[in-house]
Amino acid sequence: MENEDYICPMDVPVTEGVTGAPKLSEVEKLVVRRNSDPSPQEQRHLDMK
């Protein structure tokens, strides 16, 4: 049944209660933040990494 949970995230709406949805939205948030200009606080945080 493990294959049941592994659905291509691109084909699954984030509104669906699928196992992969939360991880996908987390990644999307990071991508959006990466693409948008980070605030000085965030920039400092990124530079420290």
C-alpha atoms as a PDB file:
ATOM      1  CA  MET A   1       0.000   0.000   0.000  1.00  0.00           C
ATOM      2  CA  GLU A   2       3.027   2.297   0.209  1.00  0.00           C
ATOM      3  CA  ASN A   3       2.725   3.034  -3.503  1.00  0.00           C
ATOM      4  CA  GLU A   4      -0.748   4.433  -2.814  1.00  0.00           C
ATOM      5  CA  ASP A   5       0.801   7.314  -0.861  1.00  0.00           C
ATOM      6  CA  TYR A   6       3.426   8.006  -3.505  1.00  0.00           C
ATOM      7  CA  ILE A   7       1.487  10.116  -5.996  1.00  0.00           C
ATOM      8  CA  CYS A   8       3.271  12.601  -8.227  1.00  0.00           C
ATOM      9  CA  PRO A   9       2.941  15.867  -6.237  1.00  0.00           C
ATOM     10  CA  MET A  10       2.419  17.850  -9.464  1.00  0.00           C
ATOM     11  CA  ASP A  11      -0.740  15.852 -10.209  1.00  0.00           C
ATOM     12  CA  VAL A  12      -2.181  16.287  -6.721  1.00  0.00           C
ATOM     13  CA  PRO A  13      -3.918  19.512  -5.646  1.00  0.00           C
ATOM     14  CA  VAL A  14      -2.464  20.842  -2.411  1.00  0.00           C
ATOM     15  CA  THR A  15      -6.002  20.896  -0.989  1.00  0.00           C
ATOM     16  CA  GLU A  16      -6.033  17.090  -1.098  1.00  0.00           C
ATOM     17  CA  GLY A  17      -5.151  15.450   2.207  1.00  0.00           C
ATOM     18  CA  VAL A  18      -2.330  13.495   0.608  1.00  0.00           C
ATOM     19  CA  THR A  19       0.847  12.539   2.452  1.00  0.00           C
ATOM     20  CA  GLY A  20       3.002  14.463  -0.014  1.00  0.00           C
ATOM     21  CA  ALA A  21       0.955  17.663   0.092  1.00  0.00           C
ATOM     22  CA  PRO A  22       2.418  19.226   3.253  1.00  0.00           C
ATOM     23  CA  LYS A  23       5.982  18.621   2.087  1.00  0.00           C
ATOM     24  CA  LEU A  24       5.162  20.061  -1.321  1.00  0.00           C
ATOM     25  CA  SER A  25       3.695  23.244   0.134  1.00  0.00           C
ATOM     26  CA  GLU A  26       6.745  23.616   2.382  1.00  0.00           C
ATOM     27  CA  VAL A  27       9.010  23.366  -0.655  1.00  0.00           C
ATOM     28  CA  GLU A  28       6.829  25.804  -2.590  1.00  0.00           C
ATOM     29  CA  LYS A  29       7.069  28.305   0.277  1.00  0.00           C
ATOM     30  CA  LEU A  30      10.850  28.034   0.202  1.00  0.00           C
ATOM     31  CA  VAL A  31      10.921  28.471  -3.572  1.00  0.00           C
ATOM     32  CA  VAL A  32       8.660  31.526  -3.422  1.00  0.00           C
ATOM     33  CA  ARG A  33      10.786  33.031  -0.653  1.00  0.00           C
ATOM     34  CA  ARG A  34      13.913  32.275  -2.652  1.00  0.00           C
ATOM     35  CA  ASN A  35      12.486  34.005  -5.733  1.00  0.00           C
ATOM     36  CA  SER A  36      11.156  37.053  -3.909  1.00  0.00           C
ATOM     37  CA  ASP A  37      13.513  39.616  -2.431  1.00  0.00           C
ATOM     38  CA  PRO A  38      14.269  38.514   1.130  1.00  0.00           C
ATOM     39  CA  SER A  39      14.039  41.037   3.928  1.00  0.00           C
ATOM     40  CA  PRO A  40      17.392  42.110   5.464  1.00  0.00           C
ATOM     41  CA  GLN A  41      16.667  39.831   8.434  1.00  0.00           C
ATOM     42  CA  GLU A  42      16.095  36.840   6.165  1.00  0.00           C
ATOM     43  CA  GLN A  43      19.115  37.753   4.042  1.00  0.00           C
ATOM     44  CA  ARG A  44      21.336  37.772   7.131  1.00  0.00           C
ATOM     45  CA  HIS A  45      19.892  34.386   8.114  1.00  0.00           C
ATOM     46  CA  LEU A  46      20.611  32.973   4.647  1.00  0.00           C
ATOM     47  CA  ASP A  47      24.153  34.369   4.656  1.00  0.00           C
ATOM     48  CA  MET A  48      24.888  32.661   7.984  1.00  0.00           C
ATOM     49  CA  LYS A  49      24.032  29.229   6.545  1.00  0.00           C
END
